[in-house]
Full PDB file with SEQRES, HELIX, SHEET, SSBOND, CRYST1, ORIGX, SCALE, CONECT and MASTER records, all heavy atoms in Angstrom:
SEQRES   1 A   39  MET GLY ILE THR GLU ILE LEU TYR LEU HIS TYR GLU LEU          
SEQRES   2 A   39  ASP LYS PRO LEU ILE PRO GLN VAL LYS GLU ASN GLY LYS          
SEQRES   3 A   39  LEU ALA GLY LYS MET LEU ALA MET VAL GLU ASP MET VAL          
HELIX    1 AA1 GLY A    2  THR A    4  1                                   3    
HELIX    2 AA2 GLU A    5  LEU A    9  3                                   5    
HELIX    3 AA3 LEU A   17  MET A   38  1                                  22    
CRYST1    1.000    1.000    1.000  90.00  90.00  90.00 P 1           1          
ORIGX1      1.000000  0.000000  0.000000        0.00000                         
ORIGX2      0.000000  1.000000  0.000000        0.00000                         
ORIGX3      0.000000  0.000000  1.000000        0.00000                         
SCALE1      1.000000  0.000000  0.000000        0.00000                         
SCALE2      0.000000  1.000000  0.000000        0.00000                         
SCALE3      0.000000  0.000000  1.000000        0.00000                         
ATOM      1  N   MET A   1       0.860  -1.201  -0.035  1.00  0.00           N  
ATOM      2  CA  MET A   1       0.031   0.005  -0.009  1.00  0.00           C  
ATOM      3  C   MET A   1       0.847   1.226   0.002  1.00  0.00           C  
ATOM      4  O   MET A   1       0.514   2.237  -0.675  1.00  0.00           O  
ATOM      5  CB  MET A   1      -0.918  -0.042   1.207  1.00  0.00           C  
ATOM      6  CG  MET A   1      -2.098  -1.008   1.023  1.00  0.00           C  
ATOM      7  SD  MET A   1      -3.395  -0.935   2.281  1.00  0.00           S  
ATOM      8  CE  MET A   1      -2.721  -0.391   3.717  1.00  0.00           C  
ATOM      9  N   GLY A   2       1.937   1.252   0.691  1.00  0.00           N  
ATOM     10  CA  GLY A   2       2.885   2.391   0.836  1.00  0.00           C  
ATOM     11  C   GLY A   2       3.492   2.603  -0.542  1.00  0.00           C  
ATOM     12  O   GLY A   2       3.634   3.744  -1.043  1.00  0.00           O  
ATOM     13  N   ILE A   3       3.990   1.589  -1.225  1.00  0.00           N  
ATOM     14  CA  ILE A   3       4.585   1.674  -2.489  1.00  0.00           C  
ATOM     15  C   ILE A   3       3.608   2.133  -3.568  1.00  0.00           C  
ATOM     16  O   ILE A   3       3.920   3.060  -4.373  1.00  0.00           O  
ATOM     17  CB  ILE A   3       5.207   0.328  -2.997  1.00  0.00           C  
ATOM     18  CG1 ILE A   3       6.404   0.037  -2.038  1.00  0.00           C  
ATOM     19  CG2 ILE A   3       5.622   0.395  -4.408  1.00  0.00           C  
ATOM     20  CD1 ILE A   3       6.842  -1.391  -2.267  1.00  0.00           C  
ATOM     21  N   THR A   4       2.365   1.668  -3.439  1.00  0.00           N  
ATOM     22  CA  THR A   4       1.316   2.133  -4.455  1.00  0.00           C  
ATOM     23  C   THR A   4       1.008   3.582  -4.213  1.00  0.00           C  
ATOM     24  O   THR A   4       0.973   4.327  -5.185  1.00  0.00           O  
ATOM     25  CB  THR A   4       0.040   1.326  -4.167  1.00  0.00           C  
ATOM     26  OG1 THR A   4       0.283  -0.053  -4.412  1.00  0.00           O  
ATOM     27  CG2 THR A   4      -1.143   1.784  -5.056  1.00  0.00           C  
ATOM     28  N   GLU A   5       1.015   4.019  -2.945  1.00  0.00           N  
ATOM     29  CA  GLU A   5       0.758   5.449  -2.769  1.00  0.00           C  
ATOM     30  C   GLU A   5       1.865   6.281  -3.383  1.00  0.00           C  
ATOM     31  O   GLU A   5       1.672   7.331  -3.977  1.00  0.00           O  
ATOM     32  CB  GLU A   5       0.670   5.721  -1.250  1.00  0.00           C  
ATOM     33  CG  GLU A   5       0.405   7.261  -0.957  1.00  0.00           C  
ATOM     34  CD  GLU A   5       0.158   7.518   0.466  1.00  0.00           C  
ATOM     35  OE1 GLU A   5      -0.320   6.655   1.273  1.00  0.00           O  
ATOM     36  OE2 GLU A   5       0.456   8.644   0.868  1.00  0.00           O  
ATOM     37  N   ILE A   6       3.168   5.884  -3.143  1.00  0.00           N  
ATOM     38  CA  ILE A   6       4.264   6.683  -3.652  1.00  0.00           C  
ATOM     39  C   ILE A   6       4.232   6.640  -5.191  1.00  0.00           C  
ATOM     40  O   ILE A   6       4.369   7.736  -5.788  1.00  0.00           O  
ATOM     41  CB  ILE A   6       5.617   6.035  -3.199  1.00  0.00           C  
ATOM     42  CG1 ILE A   6       5.753   6.239  -1.668  1.00  0.00           C  
ATOM     43  CG2 ILE A   6       6.764   6.568  -3.862  1.00  0.00           C  
ATOM     44  CD1 ILE A   6       6.902   5.455  -1.042  1.00  0.00           C  
ATOM     45  N   LEU A   7       4.058   5.541  -5.824  1.00  0.00           N  
ATOM     46  CA  LEU A   7       4.177   5.423  -7.202  1.00  0.00           C  
ATOM     47  C   LEU A   7       3.009   6.049  -8.034  1.00  0.00           C  
ATOM     48  O   LEU A   7       3.088   6.503  -9.180  1.00  0.00           O  
ATOM     49  CB  LEU A   7       4.432   4.010  -7.685  1.00  0.00           C  
ATOM     50  CG  LEU A   7       5.817   3.399  -7.265  1.00  0.00           C  
ATOM     51  CD1 LEU A   7       5.880   1.892  -7.746  1.00  0.00           C  
ATOM     52  CD2 LEU A   7       6.975   4.259  -7.861  1.00  0.00           C  
ATOM     53  N   TYR A   8       1.791   5.922  -7.447  1.00  0.00           N  
ATOM     54  CA  TYR A   8       0.589   6.301  -8.205  1.00  0.00           C  
ATOM     55  C   TYR A   8      -0.096   7.554  -7.697  1.00  0.00           C  
ATOM     56  O   TYR A   8      -0.849   8.162  -8.426  1.00  0.00           O  
ATOM     57  CB  TYR A   8      -0.382   5.089  -8.147  1.00  0.00           C  
ATOM     58  CG  TYR A   8       0.034   3.981  -9.025  1.00  0.00           C  
ATOM     59  CD1 TYR A   8       0.698   2.973  -8.354  1.00  0.00           C  
ATOM     60  CD2 TYR A   8      -0.252   3.911 -10.374  1.00  0.00           C  
ATOM     61  CE1 TYR A   8       1.209   1.809  -9.174  1.00  0.00           C  
ATOM     62  CE2 TYR A   8       0.179   2.882 -11.097  1.00  0.00           C  
ATOM     63  CZ  TYR A   8       0.921   1.787 -10.500  1.00  0.00           C  
ATOM     64  OH  TYR A   8       1.349   0.727 -11.292  1.00  0.00           O  
ATOM     65  N   LEU A   9       0.119   7.929  -6.411  1.00  0.00           N  
ATOM     66  CA  LEU A   9      -0.712   9.076  -5.881  1.00  0.00           C  
ATOM     67  C   LEU A   9       0.157  10.266  -5.456  1.00  0.00           C  
ATOM     68  O   LEU A   9      -0.427  11.295  -5.221  1.00  0.00           O  
ATOM     69  CB  LEU A   9      -1.541   8.565  -4.741  1.00  0.00           C  
ATOM     70  CG  LEU A   9      -2.405   7.417  -4.940  1.00  0.00           C  
ATOM     71  CD1 LEU A   9      -3.061   6.958  -3.613  1.00  0.00           C  
ATOM     72  CD2 LEU A   9      -3.423   7.728  -6.012  1.00  0.00           C  
ATOM     73  N   HIS A  10       1.444  10.142  -5.469  1.00  0.00           N  
ATOM     74  CA  HIS A  10       2.277  11.203  -4.931  1.00  0.00           C  
ATOM     75  C   HIS A  10       2.771  12.165  -6.016  1.00  0.00           C  
ATOM     76  O   HIS A  10       3.974  12.287  -6.353  1.00  0.00           O  
ATOM     77  CB  HIS A  10       3.552  10.503  -4.291  1.00  0.00           C  
ATOM     78  CG  HIS A  10       4.307  11.378  -3.371  1.00  0.00           C  
ATOM     79  ND1 HIS A  10       5.530  11.772  -3.684  1.00  0.00           N  
ATOM     80  CD2 HIS A  10       4.018  11.977  -2.188  1.00  0.00           C  
ATOM     81  CE1 HIS A  10       6.056  12.546  -2.780  1.00  0.00           C  
ATOM     82  NE2 HIS A  10       5.113  12.655  -1.851  1.00  0.00           N  
ATOM     83  N   TYR A  11       1.770  12.881  -6.663  1.00  0.00           N  
ATOM     84  CA  TYR A  11       2.069  13.759  -7.773  1.00  0.00           C  
ATOM     85  C   TYR A  11       1.434  15.123  -7.578  1.00  0.00           C  
ATOM     86  O   TYR A  11       0.301  15.177  -7.055  1.00  0.00           O  
ATOM     87  CB  TYR A  11       1.663  13.210  -9.118  1.00  0.00           C  
ATOM     88  CG  TYR A  11       2.466  11.937  -9.511  1.00  0.00           C  
ATOM     89  CD1 TYR A  11       1.992  10.688  -9.090  1.00  0.00           C  
ATOM     90  CD2 TYR A  11       3.628  12.069 -10.042  1.00  0.00           C  
ATOM     91  CE1 TYR A  11       2.780   9.574  -9.420  1.00  0.00           C  
ATOM     92  CE2 TYR A  11       4.467  10.956 -10.410  1.00  0.00           C  
ATOM     93  CZ  TYR A  11       3.948   9.710 -10.091  1.00  0.00           C  
ATOM     94  OH  TYR A  11       4.785   8.581 -10.371  1.00  0.00           O  
ATOM     95  N   GLU A  12       2.005  16.166  -8.076  1.00  0.00           N  
ATOM     96  CA  GLU A  12       1.316  17.461  -8.150  1.00  0.00           C  
ATOM     97  C   GLU A  12       1.099  17.860  -9.658  1.00  0.00           C  
ATOM     98  O   GLU A  12       2.101  17.851 -10.386  1.00  0.00           O  
ATOM     99  CB  GLU A  12       2.249  18.495  -7.427  1.00  0.00           C  
ATOM    100  CG  GLU A  12       2.415  18.229  -5.927  1.00  0.00           C  
ATOM    101  CD  GLU A  12       3.199  19.235  -5.202  1.00  0.00           C  
ATOM    102  OE1 GLU A  12       3.098  20.407  -5.568  1.00  0.00           O  
ATOM    103  OE2 GLU A  12       3.998  18.827  -4.333  1.00  0.00           O  
ATOM    104  N   LEU A  13      -0.051  18.147  -9.967  1.00  0.00           N  
ATOM    105  CA  LEU A  13      -0.453  18.452 -11.413  1.00  0.00           C  
ATOM    106  C   LEU A  13       0.117  19.725 -11.894  1.00  0.00           C  
ATOM    107  O   LEU A  13       0.329  19.815 -13.053  1.00  0.00           O  
ATOM    108  CB  LEU A  13      -1.999  18.468 -11.511  1.00  0.00           C  
ATOM    109  CG  LEU A  13      -2.684  17.133 -11.360  1.00  0.00           C  
ATOM    110  CD1 LEU A  13      -4.244  17.397 -11.502  1.00  0.00           C  
ATOM    111  CD2 LEU A  13      -2.220  16.112 -12.322  1.00  0.00           C  
ATOM    112  N   ASP A  14       0.584  20.586 -11.000  1.00  0.00           N  
ATOM    113  CA  ASP A  14       1.166  21.837 -11.522  1.00  0.00           C  
ATOM    114  C   ASP A  14       2.674  21.760 -11.711  1.00  0.00           C  
ATOM    115  O   ASP A  14       3.327  22.715 -11.927  1.00  0.00           O  
ATOM    116  CB  ASP A  14       0.758  22.976 -10.600  1.00  0.00           C  
ATOM    117  CG  ASP A  14       1.262  22.790  -9.179  1.00  0.00           C  
ATOM    118  OD1 ASP A  14       1.562  21.644  -8.717  1.00  0.00           O  
ATOM    119  OD2 ASP A  14       1.406  23.829  -8.485  1.00  0.00           O  
ATOM    120  N   LYS A  15       3.286  20.568 -11.533  1.00  0.00           N  
ATOM    121  CA  LYS A  15       4.692  20.386 -11.680  1.00  0.00           C  
ATOM    122  C   LYS A  15       4.926  19.410 -12.804  1.00  0.00           C  
ATOM    123  O   LYS A  15       4.086  18.509 -13.063  1.00  0.00           O  
ATOM    124  CB  LYS A  15       5.330  19.869 -10.349  1.00  0.00           C  
ATOM    125  CG  LYS A  15       5.257  20.860  -9.230  1.00  0.00           C  
ATOM    126  CD  LYS A  15       6.045  20.406  -8.002  1.00  0.00           C  
ATOM    127  CE  LYS A  15       5.986  21.510  -6.963  1.00  0.00           C  
ATOM    128  NZ  LYS A  15       6.578  21.010  -5.700  1.00  0.00           N  
ATOM    129  N   PRO A  16       6.177  19.484 -13.399  1.00  0.00           N  
ATOM    130  CA  PRO A  16       6.464  18.472 -14.521  1.00  0.00           C  
ATOM    131  C   PRO A  16       6.417  17.130 -14.049  1.00  0.00           C  
ATOM    132  O   PRO A  16       6.846  16.749 -12.903  1.00  0.00           O  
ATOM    133  CB  PRO A  16       7.919  18.888 -14.936  1.00  0.00           C  
ATOM    134  CG  PRO A  16       8.071  20.254 -14.408  1.00  0.00           C  
ATOM    135  CD  PRO A  16       7.246  20.451 -13.219  1.00  0.00           C  
ATOM    136  N   LEU A  17       5.898  16.154 -14.874  1.00  0.00           N  
ATOM    137  CA  LEU A  17       5.695  14.760 -14.558  1.00  0.00           C  
ATOM    138  C   LEU A  17       6.916  13.973 -14.384  1.00  0.00           C  
ATOM    139  O   LEU A  17       7.202  13.326 -13.444  1.00  0.00           O  
ATOM    140  CB  LEU A  17       4.785  14.146 -15.559  1.00  0.00           C  
ATOM    141  CG  LEU A  17       4.534  12.629 -15.406  1.00  0.00           C  
ATOM    142  CD1 LEU A  17       3.749  12.343 -14.109  1.00  0.00           C  
ATOM    143  CD2 LEU A  17       3.728  12.056 -16.623  1.00  0.00           C  
ATOM    144  N   ILE A  18       7.826  14.058 -15.366  1.00  0.00           N  
ATOM    145  CA  ILE A  18       9.010  13.169 -15.453  1.00  0.00           C  
ATOM    146  C   ILE A  18       9.884  13.290 -14.224  1.00  0.00           C  
ATOM    147  O   ILE A  18      10.258  12.262 -13.651  1.00  0.00           O  
ATOM    148  CB  ILE A  18       9.784  13.277 -16.778  1.00  0.00           C  
ATOM    149  CG1 ILE A  18       8.888  12.792 -17.828  1.00  0.00           C  
ATOM    150  CG2 ILE A  18      11.123  12.618 -16.669  1.00  0.00           C  
ATOM    151  CD1 ILE A  18       9.513  12.987 -19.298  1.00  0.00           C  
ATOM    152  N   PRO A  19      10.217  14.441 -13.733  1.00  0.00           N  
ATOM    153  CA  PRO A  19      11.000  14.552 -12.528  1.00  0.00           C  
ATOM    154  C   PRO A  19      10.313  13.954 -11.322  1.00  0.00           C  
ATOM    155  O   PRO A  19      10.962  13.336 -10.449  1.00  0.00           O  
ATOM    156  CB  PRO A  19      11.305  16.032 -12.285  1.00  0.00           C  
ATOM    157  CG  PRO A  19      11.134  16.630 -13.631  1.00  0.00           C  
ATOM    158  CD  PRO A  19      10.088  15.805 -14.373  1.00  0.00           C  
ATOM    159  N   GLN A  20       9.002  14.057 -11.219  1.00  0.00           N  
ATOM    160  CA  GLN A  20       8.219  13.452 -10.173  1.00  0.00           C  
ATOM    161  C   GLN A  20       8.264  11.903 -10.262  1.00  0.00           C  
ATOM    162  O   GLN A  20       8.394  11.243  -9.188  1.00  0.00           O  
ATOM    163  CB  GLN A  20       6.806  13.932 -10.181  1.00  0.00           C  
ATOM    164  CG  GLN A  20       6.679  15.437  -9.846  1.00  0.00           C  
ATOM    165  CD  GLN A  20       5.258  15.827  -9.787  1.00  0.00           C  
ATOM    166  OE1 GLN A  20       4.605  15.618  -8.699  1.00  0.00           O  
ATOM    167  NE2 GLN A  20       4.624  16.469 -10.774  1.00  0.00           N  
ATOM    168  N   VAL A  21       8.101  11.361 -11.405  1.00  0.00           N  
ATOM    169  CA  VAL A  21       8.219   9.982 -11.595  1.00  0.00           C  
ATOM    170  C   VAL A  21       9.515   9.376 -11.168  1.00  0.00           C  
ATOM    171  O   VAL A  21       9.571   8.399 -10.450  1.00  0.00           O  
ATOM    172  CB  VAL A  21       7.888   9.507 -13.064  1.00  0.00           C  
ATOM    173  CG1 VAL A  21       8.134   8.090 -13.335  1.00  0.00           C  
ATOM    174  CG2 VAL A  21       6.457   9.867 -13.535  1.00  0.00           C  
ATOM    175  N   LYS A  22      10.576  10.064 -11.617  1.00  0.00           N  
ATOM    176  CA  LYS A  22      11.897   9.646 -11.182  1.00  0.00           C  
ATOM    177  C   LYS A  22      12.118   9.659  -9.701  1.00  0.00           C  
ATOM    178  O   LYS A  22      12.663   8.799  -9.037  1.00  0.00           O  
ATOM    179  CB  LYS A  22      12.998  10.458 -11.884  1.00  0.00           C  
ATOM    180  CG  LYS A  22      13.149  10.266 -13.329  1.00  0.00           C  
ATOM    181  CD  LYS A  22      14.152  11.258 -13.890  1.00  0.00           C  
ATOM    182  CE  LYS A  22      14.370  11.048 -15.405  1.00  0.00           C  
ATOM    183  NZ  LYS A  22      15.384  11.909 -15.991  1.00  0.00           N  
ATOM    184  N   GLU A  23      11.682  10.838  -9.063  1.00  0.00           N  
ATOM    185  CA  GLU A  23      11.824  10.980  -7.696  1.00  0.00           C  
ATOM    186  C   GLU A  23      11.003   9.898  -6.863  1.00  0.00           C  
ATOM    187  O   GLU A  23      11.460   9.401  -5.854  1.00  0.00           O  
ATOM    188  CB  GLU A  23      11.460  12.391  -7.251  1.00  0.00           C  
ATOM    189  CG  GLU A  23      11.746  12.755  -5.769  1.00  0.00           C  
ATOM    190  CD  GLU A  23      13.152  12.578  -5.290  1.00  0.00           C  
ATOM    191  OE1 GLU A  23      14.046  12.872  -6.185  1.00  0.00           O  
ATOM    192  OE2 GLU A  23      13.393  12.173  -4.190  1.00  0.00           O  
ATOM    193  N   ASN A  24       9.781   9.733  -7.325  1.00  0.00           N  
ATOM    194  CA  ASN A  24       8.936   8.659  -6.663  1.00  0.00           C  
ATOM    195  C   ASN A  24       9.512   7.344  -6.794  1.00  0.00           C  
ATOM    196  O   ASN A  24       9.471   6.475  -5.853  1.00  0.00           O  
ATOM    197  CB  ASN A  24       7.548   8.727  -7.217  1.00  0.00           C  
ATOM    198  CG  ASN A  24       6.836  10.022  -6.800  1.00  0.00           C  
ATOM    199  OD1 ASN A  24       7.262  10.780  -5.916  1.00  0.00           O  
ATOM    200  ND2 ASN A  24       5.689  10.319  -7.458  1.00  0.00           N  
ATOM    201  N   GLY A  25      10.124   6.947  -7.937  1.00  0.00           N  
ATOM    202  CA  GLY A  25      10.754   5.736  -8.098  1.00  0.00           C  
ATOM    203  C   GLY A  25      11.936   5.544  -7.167  1.00  0.00           C  
ATOM    204  O   GLY A  25      12.095   4.465  -6.566  1.00  0.00           O  
ATOM    205  N   LYS A  26      12.688   6.612  -7.006  1.00  0.00           N  
ATOM    206  CA  LYS A  26      13.852   6.561  -6.021  1.00  0.00           C  
ATOM    207  C   LYS A  26      13.253   6.352  -4.585  1.00  0.00           C  
ATOM    208  O   LYS A  26      13.893   5.594  -3.773  1.00  0.00           O  
ATOM    209  CB  LYS A  26      14.644   7.848  -6.071  1.00  0.00           C  
ATOM    210  CG  LYS A  26      15.558   7.946  -7.309  1.00  0.00           C  
ATOM    211  CD  LYS A  26      16.255   9.315  -7.279  1.00  0.00           C  
ATOM    212  CE  LYS A  26      16.951   9.529  -8.637  1.00  0.00           C  
ATOM    213  NZ  LYS A  26      17.557  10.834  -8.632  1.00  0.00           N  
ATOM    214  N   LEU A  27      12.243   7.127  -4.250  1.00  0.00           N  
ATOM    215  CA  LEU A  27      11.674   7.032  -2.938  1.00  0.00           C  
ATOM    216  C   LEU A  27      11.175   5.640  -2.627  1.00  0.00           C  
ATOM    217  O   LEU A  27      11.463   4.999  -1.533  1.00  0.00           O  
ATOM    218  CB  LEU A  27      10.581   8.035  -2.751  1.00  0.00           C  
ATOM    219  CG  LEU A  27       9.864   8.086  -1.394  1.00  0.00           C  
ATOM    220  CD1 LEU A  27      10.924   8.556  -0.349  1.00  0.00           C  
ATOM    221  CD2 LEU A  27       8.734   9.184  -1.457  1.00  0.00           C  
ATOM    222  N   ALA A  28      10.496   4.992  -3.569  1.00  0.00           N  
ATOM    223  CA  ALA A  28       9.947   3.648  -3.380  1.00  0.00           C  
ATOM    224  C   ALA A  28      11.137   2.650  -3.295  1.00  0.00           C  
ATOM    225  O   ALA A  28      11.077   1.792  -2.453  1.00  0.00           O  
ATOM    226  CB  ALA A  28       9.052   3.295  -4.596  1.00  0.00           C  
ATOM    227  N   GLY A  29      12.097   2.868  -4.036  1.00  0.00           N  
ATOM    228  CA  GLY A  29      13.355   2.043  -3.977  1.00  0.00           C  
ATOM    229  C   GLY A  29      13.981   2.085  -2.660  1.00  0.00           C  
ATOM    230  O   GLY A  29      14.439   0.998  -2.044  1.00  0.00           O  
ATOM    231  N   LYS A  30      14.118   3.328  -2.064  1.00  0.00           N  
ATOM    232  CA  LYS A  30      14.745   3.493  -0.752  1.00  0.00           C  
ATOM    233  C   LYS A  30      13.906   2.859   0.295  1.00  0.00           C  
ATOM    234  O   LYS A  30      14.436   2.262   1.185  1.00  0.00           O  
ATOM    235  CB  LYS A  30      14.948   5.014  -0.465  1.00  0.00           C  
ATOM    236  CG  LYS A  30      16.028   5.648  -1.268  1.00  0.00           C  
ATOM    237  CD  LYS A  30      16.052   7.199  -0.932  1.00  0.00           C  
ATOM    238  CE  LYS A  30      17.068   7.917  -1.804  1.00  0.00           C  
ATOM    239  NZ  LYS A  30      17.106   9.313  -1.492  1.00  0.00           N  
ATOM    240  N   MET A  31      12.614   2.945   0.119  1.00  0.00           N  
ATOM    241  CA  MET A  31      11.711   2.356   1.200  1.00  0.00           C  
ATOM    242  C   MET A  31      11.837   0.845   1.162  1.00  0.00           C  
ATOM    243  O   MET A  31      11.997   0.230   2.172  1.00  0.00           O  
ATOM    244  CB  MET A  31      10.246   2.712   0.760  1.00  0.00           C  
ATOM    245  CG  MET A  31       9.138   2.100   1.699  1.00  0.00           C  
ATOM    246  SD  MET A  31       7.577   2.807   1.145  1.00  0.00           S  
ATOM    247  CE  MET A  31       6.527   1.680   1.954  1.00  0.00           C  
ATOM    248  N   LEU A  32      11.923   0.259  -0.013  1.00  0.00           N  
ATOM    249  CA  LEU A  32      12.088  -1.213  -0.153  1.00  0.00           C  
ATOM    250  C   LEU A  32      13.460  -1.606   0.403  1.00  0.00           C  
ATOM    251  O   LEU A  32      13.590  -2.694   1.037  1.00  0.00           O  
ATOM    252  CB  LEU A  32      11.990  -1.613  -1.559  1.00  0.00           C  
ATOM    253  CG  LEU A  32      10.517  -1.863  -2.022  1.00  0.00           C  
ATOM    254  CD1 LEU A  32      10.414  -1.876  -3.508  1.00  0.00           C  
ATOM    255  CD2 LEU A  32       9.886  -3.061  -1.425  1.00  0.00           C  
ATOM    256  N   ALA A  33      14.505  -0.854   0.092  1.00  0.00           N  
ATOM    257  CA  ALA A  33      15.790  -1.166   0.591  1.00  0.00           C  
ATOM    258  C   ALA A  33      15.847  -1.181   2.133  1.00  0.00           C  
ATOM    259  O   ALA A  33      16.520  -2.087   2.746  1.00  0.00           O  
ATOM    260  CB  ALA A  33      16.873  -0.212   0.007  1.00  0.00           C  
ATOM    261  N   MET A  34      15.227  -0.212   2.701  1.00  0.00           N  
ATOM    262  CA  MET A  34      15.170  -0.145   4.181  1.00  0.00           C  
ATOM    263  C   MET A  34      14.452  -1.343   4.745  1.00  0.00           C  
ATOM    264  O   MET A  34      14.893  -1.923   5.667  1.00  0.00           O  
ATOM    265  CB  MET A  34      14.368   1.116   4.539  1.00  0.00           C  
ATOM    266  CG  MET A  34      15.039   2.111   5.508  1.00  0.00           C  
ATOM    267  SD  MET A  34      14.250   3.655   5.806  1.00  0.00           S  
ATOM    268  CE  MET A  34      12.493   3.239   5.846  1.00  0.00           C  
ATOM    269  N   VAL A  35      13.269  -1.654   4.128  1.00  0.00           N  
ATOM    270  CA  VAL A  35      12.513  -2.846   4.623  1.00  0.00           C  
ATOM    271  C   VAL A  35      13.343  -4.130   4.446  1.00  0.00           C  
ATOM    272  O   VAL A  35      13.373  -4.990   5.340  1.00  0.00           O  
ATOM    273  CB  VAL A  35      11.145  -2.926   3.885  1.00  0.00           C  
ATOM    274  CG1 VAL A  35      10.471  -4.247   4.180  1.00  0.00           C  
ATOM    275  CG2 VAL A  35      10.343  -1.819   4.334  1.00  0.00           C  
ATOM    276  N   GLU A  36      14.000  -4.249   3.346  1.00  0.00           N  
ATOM    277  CA  GLU A  36      14.844  -5.441   3.062  1.00  0.00           C  
ATOM    278  C   GLU A  36      15.906  -5.574   4.113  1.00  0.00           C  
ATOM    279  O   GLU A  36      16.220  -6.637   4.605  1.00  0.00           O  
ATOM    280  CB  GLU A  36      15.443  -5.311   1.685  1.00  0.00           C  
ATOM    281  CG  GLU A  36      16.001  -6.623   1.149  1.00  0.00           C  
ATOM    282  CD  GLU A  36      16.443  -6.524  -0.338  1.00  0.00           C  
ATOM    283  OE1 GLU A  36      16.312  -5.444  -0.935  1.00  0.00           O  
ATOM    284  OE2 GLU A  36      16.826  -7.534  -0.844  1.00  0.00           O  
ATOM    285  N   ASP A  37      16.530  -4.472   4.452  1.00  0.00           N  
ATOM    286  CA  ASP A  37      17.585  -4.439   5.527  1.00  0.00           C  
ATOM    287  C   ASP A  37      17.111  -4.826   6.851  1.00  0.00           C  
ATOM    288  O   ASP A  37      17.645  -5.656   7.543  1.00  0.00           O  
ATOM    289  CB  ASP A  37      18.217  -3.063   5.558  1.00  0.00           C  
ATOM    290  CG  ASP A  37      19.433  -2.983   6.535  1.00  0.00           C  
ATOM    291  OD1 ASP A  37      20.302  -3.766   6.457  1.00  0.00           O  
ATOM    292  OD2 ASP A  37      19.352  -2.082   7.479  1.00  0.00           O  
ATOM    293  N   MET A  38      15.861  -4.295   7.202  1.00  0.00           N  
ATOM    294  CA  MET A  38      15.243  -4.598   8.471  1.00  0.00           C  
ATOM    295  C   MET A  38      14.863  -6.150   8.545  1.00  0.00           C  
ATOM    296  O   MET A  38      15.103  -6.782   9.578  1.00  0.00           O  
ATOM    297  CB  MET A  38      13.973  -3.767   8.712  1.00  0.00           C  
ATOM    298  CG  MET A  38      14.296  -2.325   9.051  1.00  0.00           C  
ATOM    299  SD  MET A  38      12.898  -1.232   9.268  1.00  0.00           S  
ATOM    300  CE  MET A  38      11.532  -2.255   9.454  1.00  0.00           C  
ATOM    301  N   VAL A  39      14.351  -6.681   7.421  1.00  0.00           N  
ATOM    302  CA  VAL A  39      14.015  -8.058   7.465  1.00  0.00           C  
ATOM    303  C   VAL A  39      15.218  -8.926   7.544  1.00  0.00           C  
ATOM    304  O   VAL A  39      15.205  -9.955   8.368  1.00  0.00           O  
ATOM    305  CB  VAL A  39      13.241  -8.444   6.152  1.00  0.00           C  
ATOM    306  CG1 VAL A  39      13.098  -9.959   5.877  1.00  0.00           C  
ATOM    307  CG2 VAL A  39      11.863  -7.750   6.114  1.00  0.00           C  
TER     308      VAL A  39                                                      
MASTER        0    0    0    3    0    0    0    6  307    1    0    3          
END                                                                             
């Protein structure tokens, strides 16, 4: 659910899309890396 929120809902319509997609991808990757480390 957290990854879905980051990748699909974390956008601002008044800002360029591509930088937001890249940033959200990095954020989701960091979140997964953190969880993987904890596990």
